[in-house]
Amino acid sequence: MKFGKQNNYKEYIYSKPVIALLLLVVSLLSMSVYERFGIERDMANRKSVSETELEKLSDRKVQLETRVEYLEGERGIEEEIRKNFDVAKEGEQVIILTGTEDELVIPSDTDDEIISPWYQFWR
């Protein structure tokens, strides 16, 4: 191997060992790029989920702040007291309705069904 003006460098650059080394370097770089691409996609998905969650939490914060403002007022306090306890203002009457709920009886599909007479469909 002679270096200098007499020898052409193309001979060394296009040799099989140099090409194999370059292919190895390119394949290692491409694997690294592919891994980084996967990580970037994962982070983009996480960011989108986090942004959606942030929007939901911001809406919830606004709702809670509105509810707190309402409950800090006289009307809100009165409403909560009336809702949680059986109280009334002077001059008001409280009516408590109690009753029993009728249970719905569903006929079972057993052999003990009552067969109606044939003329029942005329009614």
PDB file of N, CA and C in Angstrom:
ATOM      1  N   MET A   1       0.845  -1.180   0.000  1.00  0.00           N
ATOM      2  CA  MET A   1       0.000   0.000   0.000  1.00  0.00           C
ATOM      3  C   MET A   1       0.882   1.231   0.000  1.00  0.00           C
ATOM      4  N   LYS A   2       0.735   1.926  -1.002  1.00  0.00           N
ATOM      5  CA  LYS A   2       1.499   3.157  -1.095  1.00  0.00           C
ATOM      6  C   LYS A   2       0.545   4.322  -0.989  1.00  0.00           C
ATOM      7  N   PHE A   3       0.949   5.281  -0.195  1.00  0.00           N
ATOM      8  CA  PHE A   3       0.153   6.499  -0.099  1.00  0.00           C
ATOM      9  C   PHE A   3       0.875   7.582  -0.865  1.00  0.00           C
ATOM     10  N   GLY A   4       0.114   8.440  -1.398  1.00  0.00           N
ATOM     11  CA  GLY A   4       0.726   9.540  -2.137  1.00  0.00           C
ATOM     12  C   GLY A   4      -0.008   9.747  -3.430  1.00  0.00           C
ATOM     13  N   LYS A   5       0.597  10.483  -4.285  1.00  0.00           N
ATOM     14  CA  LYS A   5      -0.033  10.815  -5.554  1.00  0.00           C
ATOM     15  C   LYS A   5      -0.077   9.608  -6.482  1.00  0.00           C
ATOM     16  N   GLN A   6       0.763   8.679  -6.248  1.00  0.00           N
ATOM     17  CA  GLN A   6       0.840   7.546  -7.158  1.00  0.00           C
ATOM     18  C   GLN A   6      -0.337   6.584  -6.976  1.00  0.00           C
ATOM     19  N   ASN A   7      -0.831   6.449  -5.722  1.00  0.00           N
ATOM     20  CA  ASN A   7      -1.896   5.474  -5.442  1.00  0.00           C
ATOM     21  C   ASN A   7      -3.242   6.180  -5.325  1.00  0.00           C
ATOM     22  N   ASN A   8      -4.292   5.568  -5.796  1.00  0.00           N
ATOM     23  CA  ASN A   8      -5.620   6.142  -5.769  1.00  0.00           C
ATOM     24  C   ASN A   8      -6.330   5.713  -4.471  1.00  0.00           C
ATOM     25  N   TYR A   9      -7.016   6.638  -3.799  1.00  0.00           N
ATOM     26  CA  TYR A   9      -7.694   6.337  -2.536  1.00  0.00           C
ATOM     27  C   TYR A   9      -9.000   5.562  -2.741  1.00  0.00           C
ATOM     28  N   LYS A  10      -9.529   5.550  -3.915  1.00  0.00           N
ATOM     29  CA  LYS A  10     -10.758   4.809  -4.204  1.00  0.00           C
ATOM     30  C   LYS A  10     -10.573   3.322  -3.922  1.00  0.00           C
ATOM     31  N   GLU A  11      -9.396   2.872  -4.117  1.00  0.00           N
ATOM     32  CA  GLU A  11      -9.075   1.477  -3.898  1.00  0.00           C
ATOM     33  C   GLU A  11      -9.303   1.090  -2.430  1.00  0.00           C
ATOM     34  N   TYR A  12      -8.940   1.959  -1.504  1.00  0.00           N
ATOM     35  CA  TYR A  12      -9.097   1.685  -0.074  1.00  0.00           C
ATOM     36  C   TYR A  12     -10.529   1.924   0.398  1.00  0.00           C
ATOM     37  N   ILE A  13     -11.146   2.944  -0.137  1.00  0.00           N
ATOM     38  CA  ILE A  13     -12.504   3.282   0.287  1.00  0.00           C
ATOM     39  C   ILE A  13     -13.490   2.216  -0.160  1.00  0.00           C
ATOM     40  N   TYR A  14     -13.340   1.675  -1.356  1.00  0.00           N
ATOM     41  CA  TYR A  14     -14.257   0.671  -1.883  1.00  0.00           C
ATOM     42  C   TYR A  14     -13.845  -0.767  -1.552  1.00  0.00           C
ATOM     43  N   SER A  15     -12.928  -0.922  -0.653  1.00  0.00           N
ATOM     44  CA  SER A  15     -12.525  -2.275  -0.270  1.00  0.00           C
ATOM     45  C   SER A  15     -13.607  -2.909   0.599  1.00  0.00           C
ATOM     46  N   LYS A  16     -13.661  -4.229   0.612  1.00  0.00           N
ATOM     47  CA  LYS A  16     -14.694  -4.962   1.341  1.00  0.00           C
ATOM     48  C   LYS A  16     -14.674  -4.702   2.858  1.00  0.00           C
ATOM     49  N   PRO A  17     -13.559  -4.642   3.532  1.00  0.00           N
ATOM     50  CA  PRO A  17     -13.577  -4.374   4.986  1.00  0.00           C
ATOM     51  C   PRO A  17     -14.133  -2.991   5.331  1.00  0.00           C
ATOM     52  N   VAL A  18     -13.792  -1.998   4.536  1.00  0.00           N
ATOM     53  CA  VAL A  18     -14.292  -0.638   4.806  1.00  0.00           C
ATOM     54  C   VAL A  18     -15.797  -0.579   4.566  1.00  0.00           C
ATOM     55  N   ILE A  19     -16.284  -1.200   3.524  1.00  0.00           N
ATOM     56  CA  ILE A  19     -17.722  -1.215   3.239  1.00  0.00           C
ATOM     57  C   ILE A  19     -18.467  -1.967   4.338  1.00  0.00           C
ATOM     58  N   ALA A  20     -17.922  -3.083   4.803  1.00  0.00           N
ATOM     59  CA  ALA A  20     -18.550  -3.847   5.891  1.00  0.00           C
ATOM     60  C   ALA A  20     -18.605  -3.015   7.169  1.00  0.00           C
ATOM     61  N   LEU A  21     -17.537  -2.308   7.451  1.00  0.00           N
ATOM     62  CA  LEU A  21     -17.503  -1.433   8.640  1.00  0.00           C
ATOM     63  C   LEU A  21     -18.537  -0.319   8.516  1.00  0.00           C
ATOM     64  N   LEU A  22     -18.656   0.278   7.356  1.00  0.00           N
ATOM     65  CA  LEU A  22     -19.652   1.335   7.152  1.00  0.00           C
ATOM     66  C   LEU A  22     -21.076   0.799   7.277  1.00  0.00           C
ATOM     67  N   LEU A  23     -21.326  -0.385   6.747  1.00  0.00           N
ATOM     68  CA  LEU A  23     -22.655  -0.998   6.881  1.00  0.00           C
ATOM     69  C   LEU A  23     -22.975  -1.287   8.348  1.00  0.00           C
ATOM     70  N   LEU A  24     -21.993  -1.730   9.099  1.00  0.00           N
ATOM     71  CA  LEU A  24     -22.193  -1.973  10.529  1.00  0.00           C
ATOM     72  C   LEU A  24     -22.533  -0.680  11.258  1.00  0.00           C
ATOM     73  N   VAL A  25     -21.815   0.382  10.966  1.00  0.00           N
ATOM     74  CA  VAL A  25     -22.074   1.678  11.608  1.00  0.00           C
ATOM     75  C   VAL A  25     -23.461   2.188  11.230  1.00  0.00           C
ATOM     76  N   VAL A  26     -23.837   2.061   9.961  1.00  0.00           N
ATOM     77  CA  VAL A  26     -25.160   2.518   9.512  1.00  0.00           C
ATOM     78  C   VAL A  26     -26.260   1.704  10.184  1.00  0.00           C
ATOM     79  N   SER A  27     -26.082   0.400  10.301  1.00  0.00           N
ATOM     80  CA  SER A  27     -27.115  -0.424  10.951  1.00  0.00           C
ATOM     81  C   SER A  27     -27.235  -0.083  12.432  1.00  0.00           C
ATOM     82  N   LEU A  28     -26.129   0.157  13.125  1.00  0.00           N
ATOM     83  CA  LEU A  28     -26.196   0.554  14.536  1.00  0.00           C
ATOM     84  C   LEU A  28     -26.885   1.909  14.701  1.00  0.00           C
ATOM     85  N   LEU A  29     -26.583   2.830  13.812  1.00  0.00           N
ATOM     86  CA  LEU A  29     -27.239   4.143  13.863  1.00  0.00           C
ATOM     87  C   LEU A  29     -28.737   4.025  13.574  1.00  0.00           C
ATOM     88  N   SER A  30     -29.108   3.190  12.627  1.00  0.00           N
ATOM     89  CA  SER A  30     -30.532   3.049  12.303  1.00  0.00           C
ATOM     90  C   SER A  30     -31.296   2.410  13.461  1.00  0.00           C
ATOM     91  N   MET A  31     -30.681   1.450  14.160  1.00  0.00           N
ATOM     92  CA  MET A  31     -31.338   0.860  15.337  1.00  0.00           C
ATOM     93  C   MET A  31     -31.532   1.908  16.425  1.00  0.00           C
ATOM     94  N   SER A  32     -30.546   2.733  16.628  1.00  0.00           N
ATOM     95  CA  SER A  32     -30.647   3.783  17.642  1.00  0.00           C
ATOM     96  C   SER A  32     -31.736   4.792  17.280  1.00  0.00           C
ATOM     97  N   VAL A  33     -31.821   5.147  16.013  1.00  0.00           N
ATOM     98  CA  VAL A  33     -32.850   6.082  15.556  1.00  0.00           C
ATOM     99  C   VAL A  33     -34.232   5.469  15.733  1.00  0.00           C
ATOM    100  N   TYR A  34     -34.373   4.190  15.431  1.00  0.00           N
ATOM    101  CA  TYR A  34     -35.660   3.513  15.587  1.00  0.00           C
ATOM    102  C   TYR A  34     -36.100   3.487  17.046  1.00  0.00           C
ATOM    103  N   GLU A  35     -35.175   3.210  17.958  1.00  0.00           N
ATOM    104  CA  GLU A  35     -35.499   3.235  19.392  1.00  0.00           C
ATOM    105  C   GLU A  35     -35.947   4.624  19.823  1.00  0.00           C
ATOM    106  N   ARG A  36     -35.245   5.638  19.372  1.00  0.00           N
ATOM    107  CA  ARG A  36     -35.609   7.018  19.725  1.00  0.00           C
ATOM    108  C   ARG A  36     -36.976   7.385  19.154  1.00  0.00           C
ATOM    109  N   PHE A  37     -37.270   6.893  17.961  1.00  0.00           N
ATOM    110  CA  PHE A  37     -38.577   7.146  17.368  1.00  0.00           C
ATOM    111  C   PHE A  37     -39.676   6.519  18.218  1.00  0.00           C
ATOM    112  N   GLY A  38     -39.471   5.290  18.682  1.00  0.00           N
ATOM    113  CA  GLY A  38     -40.448   4.636  19.551  1.00  0.00           C
ATOM    114  C   GLY A  38     -40.649   5.399  20.851  1.00  0.00           C
ATOM    115  N   ILE A  39     -39.563   5.876  21.427  1.00  0.00           N
ATOM    116  CA  ILE A  39     -39.658   6.656  22.660  1.00  0.00           C
ATOM    117  C   ILE A  39     -40.409   7.959  22.404  1.00  0.00           C
ATOM    118  N   GLU A  40     -40.153   8.591  21.278  1.00  0.00           N
ATOM    119  CA  GLU A  40     -40.839   9.852  20.940  1.00  0.00           C
ATOM    120  C   GLU A  40     -42.337   9.625  20.785  1.00  0.00           C
ATOM    121  N   ARG A  41     -42.758   8.539  20.147  1.00  0.00           N
ATOM    122  CA  ARG A  41     -44.179   8.222  19.980  1.00  0.00           C
ATOM    123  C   ARG A  41     -44.835   7.966  21.338  1.00  0.00           C
ATOM    124  N   ASP A  42     -44.143   7.254  22.205  1.00  0.00           N
ATOM    125  CA  ASP A  42     -44.656   6.973  23.541  1.00  0.00           C
ATOM    126  C   ASP A  42     -44.840   8.277  24.325  1.00  0.00           C
ATOM    127  N   MET A  43     -43.873   9.148  24.232  1.00  0.00           N
ATOM    128  CA  MET A  43     -43.962  10.436  24.938  1.00  0.00           C
ATOM    129  C   MET A  43     -45.081  11.304  24.358  1.00  0.00           C
ATOM    130  N   ALA A  44     -45.270  11.253  23.049  1.00  0.00           N
ATOM    131  CA  ALA A  44     -46.357  12.020  22.433  1.00  0.00           C
ATOM    132  C   ALA A  44     -47.711  11.505  22.920  1.00  0.00           C
ATOM    133  N   ASN A  45     -47.859  10.177  23.036  1.00  0.00           N
ATOM    134  CA  ASN A  45     -49.109   9.613  23.550  1.00  0.00           C
ATOM    135  C   ASN A  45     -49.329  10.005  25.002  1.00  0.00           C
ATOM    136  N   ARG A  46     -48.285   9.933  25.801  1.00  0.00           N
ATOM    137  CA  ARG A  46     -48.402  10.335  27.210  1.00  0.00           C
ATOM    138  C   ARG A  46     -48.768  11.810  27.337  1.00  0.00           C
ATOM    139  N   LYS A  47     -48.186  12.633  26.476  1.00  0.00           N
ATOM    140  CA  LYS A  47     -48.486  14.064  26.512  1.00  0.00           C
ATOM    141  C   LYS A  47     -49.950  14.309  26.179  1.00  0.00           C
ATOM    142  N   SER A  48     -50.454  13.605  25.171  1.00  0.00           N
ATOM    143  CA  SER A  48     -51.851  13.783  24.793  1.00  0.00           C
ATOM    144  C   SER A  48     -52.785  13.347  25.920  1.00  0.00           C
ATOM    145  N   VAL A  49     -52.475  12.222  26.575  1.00  0.00           N
ATOM    146  CA  VAL A  49     -53.293  11.756  27.696  1.00  0.00           C
ATOM    147  C   VAL A  49     -53.228  12.761  28.848  1.00  0.00           C
ATOM    148  N   SER A  50     -52.039  13.280  29.114  1.00  0.00           N
ATOM    149  CA  SER A  50     -51.881  14.246  30.206  1.00  0.00           C
ATOM    150  C   SER A  50     -52.640  15.539  29.918  1.00  0.00           C
ATOM    151  N   GLU A  51     -52.622  15.982  28.658  1.00  0.00           N
ATOM    152  CA  GLU A  51     -53.350  17.202  28.306  1.00  0.00           C
ATOM    153  C   GLU A  51     -54.854  17.006  28.466  1.00  0.00           C
ATOM    154  N   THR A  52     -55.353  15.835  28.065  1.00  0.00           N
ATOM    155  CA  THR A  52     -56.776  15.533  28.235  1.00  0.00           C
ATOM    156  C   THR A  52     -57.138  15.508  29.715  1.00  0.00           C
ATOM    157  N   GLU A  53     -56.295  14.876  30.506  1.00  0.00           N
ATOM    158  CA  GLU A  53     -56.532  14.810  31.946  1.00  0.00           C
ATOM    159  C   GLU A  53     -56.487  16.206  32.570  1.00  0.00           C
ATOM    160  N   LEU A  54     -55.564  17.044  32.094  1.00  0.00           N
ATOM    161  CA  LEU A  54     -55.462  18.412  32.603  1.00  0.00           C
ATOM    162  C   LEU A  54     -56.728  19.201  32.289  1.00  0.00           C
ATOM    163  N   GLU A  55     -57.282  19.019  31.087  1.00  0.00           N
ATOM    164  CA  GLU A  55     -58.521  19.714  30.724  1.00  0.00           C
ATOM    165  C   GLU A  55     -59.674  19.278  31.632  1.00  0.00           C
ATOM    166  N   LYS A  56     -59.773  17.967  31.882  1.00  0.00           N
ATOM    167  CA  LYS A  56     -60.833  17.470  32.765  1.00  0.00           C
ATOM    168  C   LYS A  56     -60.674  18.032  34.169  1.00  0.00           C
ATOM    169  N   LEU A  57     -59.441  18.039  34.659  1.00  0.00           N
ATOM    170  CA  LEU A  57     -59.206  18.550  36.009  1.00  0.00           C
ATOM    171  C   LEU A  57     -59.458  20.061  36.086  1.00  0.00           C
ATOM    172  N   SER A  58     -59.137  20.782  35.014  1.00  0.00           N
ATOM    173  CA  SER A  58     -59.412  22.220  34.999  1.00  0.00           C
ATOM    174  C   SER A  58     -60.914  22.483  35.038  1.00  0.00           C
ATOM    175  N   ASP A  59     -61.679  21.703  34.277  1.00  0.00           N
ATOM    176  CA  ASP A  59     -63.134  21.839  34.308  1.00  0.00           C
ATOM    177  C   ASP A  59     -63.676  21.524  35.702  1.00  0.00           C
ATOM    178  N   ARG A  60     -63.145  20.470  36.300  1.00  0.00           N
ATOM    179  CA  ARG A  60     -63.575  20.091  37.657  1.00  0.00           C
ATOM    180  C   ARG A  60     -63.233  21.191  38.650  1.00  0.00           C
ATOM    181  N   LYS A  61     -62.080  21.820  38.482  1.00  0.00           N
ATOM    182  CA  LYS A  61     -61.671  22.915  39.369  1.00  0.00           C
ATOM    183  C   LYS A  61     -62.649  24.082  39.265  1.00  0.00           C
ATOM    184  N   VAL A  62     -63.025  24.408  38.028  1.00  0.00           N
ATOM    185  CA  VAL A  62     -63.976  25.510  37.831  1.00  0.00           C
ATOM    186  C   VAL A  62     -65.312  25.176  38.482  1.00  0.00           C
ATOM    187  N   GLN A  63     -65.773  23.933  38.315  1.00  0.00           N
ATOM    188  CA  GLN A  63     -67.039  23.515  38.932  1.00  0.00           C
ATOM    189  C   GLN A  63     -66.961  23.605  40.451  1.00  0.00           C
ATOM    190  N   LEU A  64     -65.862  23.143  41.014  1.00  0.00           N
ATOM    191  CA  LEU A  64     -65.717  23.179  42.474  1.00  0.00           C
ATOM    192  C   LEU A  64     -65.616  24.609  42.995  1.00  0.00           C
ATOM    193  N   GLU A  65     -64.905  25.472  42.263  1.00  0.00           N
ATOM    194  CA  GLU A  65     -64.812  26.872  42.688  1.00  0.00           C
ATOM    195  C   GLU A  65     -66.185  27.538  42.657  1.00  0.00           C
ATOM    196  N   THR A  66     -66.977  27.239  41.631  1.00  0.00           N
ATOM    197  CA  THR A  66     -68.326  27.787  41.535  1.00  0.00           C
ATOM    198  C   THR A  66     -69.178  27.284  42.695  1.00  0.00           C
ATOM    199  N   ARG A  67     -69.061  25.994  42.990  1.00  0.00           N
ATOM    200  CA  ARG A  67     -69.835  25.412  44.099  1.00  0.00           C
ATOM    201  C   ARG A  67     -69.417  26.018  45.440  1.00  0.00           C
ATOM    202  N   VAL A  68     -68.114  26.239  45.636  1.00  0.00           N
ATOM    203  CA  VAL A  68     -67.630  26.846  46.884  1.00  0.00           C
ATOM    204  C   VAL A  68     -68.152  28.265  47.015  1.00  0.00           C
ATOM    205  N   GLU A  69     -68.119  29.029  45.928  1.00  0.00           N
ATOM    206  CA  GLU A  69     -68.651  30.398  45.975  1.00  0.00           C
ATOM    207  C   GLU A  69     -70.127  30.389  46.361  1.00  0.00           C
ATOM    208  N   TYR A  70     -70.884  29.429  45.793  1.00  0.00           N
ATOM    209  CA  TYR A  70     -72.308  29.343  46.106  1.00  0.00           C
ATOM    210  C   TYR A  70     -72.519  28.969  47.566  1.00  0.00           C
ATOM    211  N   LEU A  71     -71.746  28.005  48.046  1.00  0.00           N
ATOM    212  CA  LEU A  71     -71.921  27.551  49.426  1.00  0.00           C
ATOM    213  C   LEU A  71     -71.418  28.564  50.450  1.00  0.00           C
ATOM    214  N   GLU A  72     -70.574  29.488  50.047  1.00  0.00           N
ATOM    215  CA  GLU A  72     -70.125  30.523  50.975  1.00  0.00           C
ATOM    216  C   GLU A  72     -71.205  31.575  51.198  1.00  0.00           C
ATOM    217  N   GLY A  73     -72.139  31.659  50.284  1.00  0.00           N
ATOM    218  CA  GLY A  73     -73.229  32.621  50.417  1.00  0.00           C
ATOM    219  C   GLY A  73     -74.296  32.112  51.378  1.00  0.00           C
ATOM    220  N   GLU A  74     -75.173  33.022  51.787  1.00  0.00           N
ATOM    221  CA  GLU A  74     -76.234  32.686  52.745  1.00  0.00           C
ATOM    222  C   GLU A  74     -77.203  31.663  52.157  1.00  0.00           C
ATOM    223  N   ARG A  75     -77.534  31.843  50.895  1.00  0.00           N
ATOM    224  CA  ARG A  75     -78.484  30.938  50.260  1.00  0.00           C
ATOM    225  C   ARG A  75     -77.921  29.509  50.160  1.00  0.00           C
ATOM    226  N   GLY A  76     -76.648  29.388  49.842  1.00  0.00           N
ATOM    227  CA  GLY A  76     -76.019  28.075  49.735  1.00  0.00           C
ATOM    228  C   GLY A  76     -75.948  27.369  51.079  1.00  0.00           C
ATOM    229  N   ILE A  77     -75.627  28.121  52.121  1.00  0.00           N
ATOM    230  CA  ILE A  77     -75.574  27.532  53.464  1.00  0.00           C
ATOM    231  C   ILE A  77     -76.956  27.032  53.861  1.00  0.00           C
ATOM    232  N   GLU A  78     -77.972  27.858  53.608  1.00  0.00           N
ATOM    233  CA  GLU A  78     -79.343  27.468  53.950  1.00  0.00           C
ATOM    234  C   GLU A  78     -79.768  26.212  53.190  1.00  0.00           C
ATOM    235  N   GLU A  79     -79.422  26.146  51.917  1.00  0.00           N
ATOM    236  CA  GLU A  79     -79.782  24.978  51.115  1.00  0.00           C
ATOM    237  C   GLU A  79     -79.132  23.711  51.660  1.00  0.00           C
ATOM    238  N   GLU A  80     -77.875  23.774  52.019  1.00  0.00           N
ATOM    239  CA  GLU A  80     -77.187  22.593  52.548  1.00  0.00           C
ATOM    240  C   GLU A  80     -77.773  22.172  53.891  1.00  0.00           C
ATOM    241  N   ILE A  81     -78.103  23.125  54.727  1.00  0.00           N
ATOM    242  CA  ILE A  81     -78.701  22.785  56.026  1.00  0.00           C
ATOM    243  C   ILE A  81     -80.054  22.121  55.815  1.00  0.00           C
ATOM    244  N   ARG A  82     -80.873  22.673  54.912  1.00  0.00           N
ATOM    245  CA  ARG A  82     -82.199  22.096  54.655  1.00  0.00           C
ATOM    246  C   ARG A  82     -82.086  20.706  54.014  1.00  0.00           C
ATOM    247  N   LYS A  83     -81.084  20.527  53.176  1.00  0.00           N
ATOM    248  CA  LYS A  83     -80.920  19.243  52.499  1.00  0.00           C
ATOM    249  C   LYS A  83     -80.471  18.151  53.473  1.00  0.00           C
ATOM    250  N   ASN A  84     -79.596  18.491  54.392  1.00  0.00           N
ATOM    251  CA  ASN A  84     -79.028  17.484  55.282  1.00  0.00           C
ATOM    252  C   ASN A  84     -79.794  17.297  56.592  1.00  0.00           C
ATOM    253  N   PHE A  85     -80.555  18.283  56.988  1.00  0.00           N
ATOM    254  CA  PHE A  85     -81.284  18.198  58.254  1.00  0.00           C
ATOM    255  C   PHE A  85     -82.737  18.580  58.007  1.00  0.00           C
ATOM    256  N   ASP A  86     -83.633  18.086  58.844  1.00  0.00           N
ATOM    257  CA  ASP A  86     -85.048  18.434  58.729  1.00  0.00           C
ATOM    258  C   ASP A  86     -85.297  19.697  59.545  1.00  0.00           C
ATOM    259  N   VAL A  87     -85.088  20.836  58.930  1.00  0.00           N
ATOM    260  CA  VAL A  87     -85.296  22.115  59.615  1.00  0.00           C
ATOM    261  C   VAL A  87     -86.178  23.009  58.762  1.00  0.00           C
ATOM    262  N   ALA A  88     -86.744  24.001  59.408  1.00  0.00           N
ATOM    263  CA  ALA A  88     -87.587  24.972  58.706  1.00  0.00           C
ATOM    264  C   ALA A  88     -87.429  26.323  59.390  1.00  0.00           C
ATOM    265  N   LYS A  89     -87.721  27.376  58.638  1.00  0.00           N
ATOM    266  CA  LYS A  89     -87.695  28.721  59.210  1.00  0.00           C
ATOM    267  C   LYS A  89     -88.957  28.921  60.028  1.00  0.00           C
ATOM    268  N   GLU A  90     -88.945  29.997  60.803  1.00  0.00           N
ATOM    269  CA  GLU A  90     -90.150  30.315  61.569  1.00  0.00           C
ATOM    270  C   GLU A  90     -91.278  30.629  60.597  1.00  0.00           C
ATOM    271  N   GLY A  91     -92.433  30.044  60.865  1.00  0.00           N
ATOM    272  CA  GLY A  91     -93.597  30.269  60.018  1.00  0.00           C
ATOM    273  C   GLY A  91     -93.736  29.229  58.919  1.00  0.00           C
ATOM    274  N   GLU A  92     -92.724  28.437  58.675  1.00  0.00           N
ATOM    275  CA  GLU A  92     -92.817  27.385  57.672  1.00  0.00           C
ATOM    276  C   GLU A  92     -93.238  26.076  58.334  1.00  0.00           C
ATOM    277  N   GLN A  93     -93.840  25.242  57.563  1.00  0.00           N
ATOM    278  CA  GLN A  93     -94.222  23.928  58.060  1.00  0.00           C
ATOM    279  C   GLN A  93     -93.475  22.875  57.248  1.00  0.00           C
ATOM    280  N   VAL A  94     -93.076  21.842  57.929  1.00  0.00           N
ATOM    281  CA  VAL A  94     -92.353  20.771  57.266  1.00  0.00           C
ATOM    282  C   VAL A  94     -93.285  19.584  57.104  1.00  0.00           C
ATOM    283  N   ILE A  95     -93.334  19.056  55.923  1.00  0.00           N
ATOM    284  CA  ILE A  95     -94.155  17.881  55.657  1.00  0.00           C
ATOM    285  C   ILE A  95     -93.198  16.749  55.288  1.00  0.00           C
ATOM    286  N   ILE A  96     -93.313  15.667  56.006  1.00  0.00           N
ATOM    287  CA  ILE A  96     -92.485  14.500  55.718  1.00  0.00           C
ATOM    288  C   ILE A  96     -93.397  13.414  55.178  1.00  0.00           C
ATOM    289  N   LEU A  97     -93.150  13.022  53.965  1.00  0.00           N
ATOM    290  CA  LEU A  97     -93.966  12.002  53.314  1.00  0.00           C
ATOM    291  C   LEU A  97     -93.286  10.654  53.495  1.00  0.00           C
ATOM    292  N   THR A  98     -94.035   9.752  54.061  1.00  0.00           N
ATOM    293  CA  THR A  98     -93.521   8.387  54.166  1.00  0.00           C
ATOM    294  C   THR A  98     -94.560   7.477  53.549  1.00  0.00           C
ATOM    295  N   GLY A  99     -94.149   6.472  52.950  1.00  0.00           N
ATOM    296  CA  GLY A  99     -95.090   5.555  52.322  1.00  0.00           C
ATOM    297  C   GLY A  99     -94.375   4.284  51.952  1.00  0.00           C
ATOM    298  N   THR A 100     -95.176   3.341  51.622  1.00  0.00           N
ATOM    299  CA  THR A 100     -94.586   2.083  51.189  1.00  0.00           C
ATOM    300  C   THR A 100     -94.705   2.002  49.686  1.00  0.00           C
ATOM    301  N   GLU A 101     -93.709   1.446  49.119  1.00  0.00           N
ATOM    302  CA  GLU A 101     -93.727   1.266  47.678  1.00  0.00           C
ATOM    303  C   GLU A 101     -94.281  -0.116  47.384  1.00  0.00           C
ATOM    304  N   ASP A 102     -95.194  -0.181  46.436  1.00  0.00           N
ATOM    305  CA  ASP A 102     -95.737  -1.476  46.042  1.00  0.00           C
ATOM    306  C   ASP A 102     -94.669  -2.232  45.274  1.00  0.00           C
ATOM    307  N   GLU A 103     -94.524  -3.478  45.620  1.00  0.00           N
ATOM    308  CA  GLU A 103     -93.547  -4.292  44.922  1.00  0.00           C
ATOM    309  C   GLU A 103     -94.159  -4.827  43.642  1.00  0.00           C
ATOM    310  N   LEU A 104     -93.384  -4.842  42.625  1.00  0.00           N
ATOM    311  CA  LEU A 104     -93.816  -5.329  41.334  1.00  0.00           C
ATOM    312  C   LEU A 104     -93.648  -6.839  41.314  1.00  0.00           C
ATOM    313  N   VAL A 105     -94.737  -7.542  41.056  1.00  0.00           N
ATOM    314  CA  VAL A 105     -94.707  -9.000  41.020  1.00  0.00           C
ATOM    315  C   VAL A 105     -94.588  -9.425  39.573  1.00  0.00           C
ATOM    316  N   ILE A 106     -93.551 -10.160  39.289  1.00  0.00           N
ATOM    317  CA  ILE A 106     -93.307 -10.629  37.932  1.00  0.00           C
ATOM    318  C   ILE A 106     -93.616 -12.118  37.909  1.00  0.00           C
ATOM    319  N   PRO A 107     -94.539 -12.520  37.040  1.00  0.00           N
ATOM    320  CA  PRO A 107     -94.859 -13.957  36.989  1.00  0.00           C
ATOM    321  C   PRO A 107     -93.665 -14.732  36.453  1.00  0.00           C
ATOM    322  N   SER A 108     -93.469 -15.887  37.028  1.00  0.00           N
ATOM    323  CA  SER A 108     -92.353 -16.717  36.598  1.00  0.00           C
ATOM    324  C   SER A 108     -92.786 -17.595  35.427  1.00  0.00           C
ATOM    325  N   ASP A 109     -91.829 -17.998  34.658  1.00  0.00           N
ATOM    326  CA  ASP A 109     -92.098 -18.844  33.494  1.00  0.00           C
ATOM    327  C   ASP A 109     -91.944 -20.317  33.880  1.00  0.00           C
ATOM    328  N   THR A 110     -92.785 -20.755  34.762  1.00  0.00           N
ATOM    329  CA  THR A 110     -92.719 -22.157  35.178  1.00  0.00           C
ATOM    330  C   THR A 110     -93.949 -22.895  34.675  1.00  0.00           C
ATOM    331  N   ASP A 111     -94.005 -24.166  34.967  1.00  0.00           N
ATOM    332  CA  ASP A 111     -95.140 -24.982  34.534  1.00  0.00           C
ATOM    333  C   ASP A 111     -96.405 -24.673  35.322  1.00  0.00           C
ATOM    334  N   ASP A 112     -96.304 -23.902  36.400  1.00  0.00           N
ATOM    335  CA  ASP A 112     -97.444 -23.596  37.249  1.00  0.00           C
ATOM    336  C   ASP A 112     -98.243 -22.400  36.740  1.00  0.00           C
ATOM    337  N   GLU A 113     -98.065 -22.044  35.469  1.00  0.00           N
ATOM    338  CA  GLU A 113     -98.780 -20.887  34.926  1.00  0.00           C
ATOM    339  C   GLU A 113    -100.287 -21.146  34.957  1.00  0.00           C
ATOM    340  N   ILE A 114    -100.988 -20.056  35.212  1.00  0.00           N
ATOM    341  CA  ILE A 114    -102.441 -20.153  35.222  1.00  0.00           C
ATOM    342  C   ILE A 114    -102.918 -19.969  33.793  1.00  0.00           C
ATOM    343  N   ILE A 115    -103.636 -20.921  33.301  1.00  0.00           N
ATOM    344  CA  ILE A 115    -104.142 -20.857  31.934  1.00  0.00           C
ATOM    345  C   ILE A 115    -105.519 -20.222  31.983  1.00  0.00           C
ATOM    346  N   SER A 116    -105.675 -19.112  31.257  1.00  0.00           N
ATOM    347  CA  SER A 116    -106.959 -18.414  31.265  1.00  0.00           C
ATOM    348  C   SER A 116    -107.930 -19.129  30.333  1.00  0.00           C
ATOM    349  N   PRO A 117    -109.189 -19.002  30.615  1.00  0.00           N
ATOM    350  CA  PRO A 117    -110.189 -19.638  29.749  1.00  0.00           C
ATOM    351  C   PRO A 117    -110.103 -19.084  28.338  1.00  0.00           C
ATOM    352  N   TRP A 118    -110.615 -19.837  27.387  1.00  0.00           N
ATOM    353  CA  TRP A 118    -110.493 -19.473  25.990  1.00  0.00           C
ATOM    354  C   TRP A 118    -111.247 -18.198  25.649  1.00  0.00           C
ATOM    355  N   TYR A 119    -112.270 -17.821  26.414  1.00  0.00           N
ATOM    356  CA  TYR A 119    -113.090 -16.657  26.087  1.00  0.00           C
ATOM    357  C   TYR A 119    -112.512 -15.369  26.692  1.00  0.00           C
ATOM    358  N   GLN A 120    -111.396 -15.418  27.364  1.00  0.00           N
ATOM    359  CA  GLN A 120    -110.814 -14.224  27.974  1.00  0.00           C
ATOM    360  C   GLN A 120    -110.341 -13.208  26.948  1.00  0.00           C
ATOM    361  N   PHE A 121    -109.989 -13.640  25.769  1.00  0.00           N
ATOM    362  CA  PHE A 121    -109.502 -12.677  24.793  1.00  0.00           C
ATOM    363  C   PHE A 121    -110.598 -11.779  24.250  1.00  0.00           C
ATOM    364  N   TRP A 122    -111.884 -12.079  24.469  1.00  0.00           N
ATOM    365  CA  TRP A 122    -112.988 -11.238  24.012  1.00  0.00           C
ATOM    366  C   TRP A 122    -113.208 -10.027  24.903  1.00  0.00           C
ATOM    367  N   ARG A 123    -112.638  -9.993  26.039  1.00  0.00           N
ATOM    368  CA  ARG A 123    -112.869  -8.874  26.969  1.00  0.00           C
ATOM    369  C   ARG A 123    -112.223  -7.633  26.539  1.00  0.00           C
TER     370      ARG A 123
END
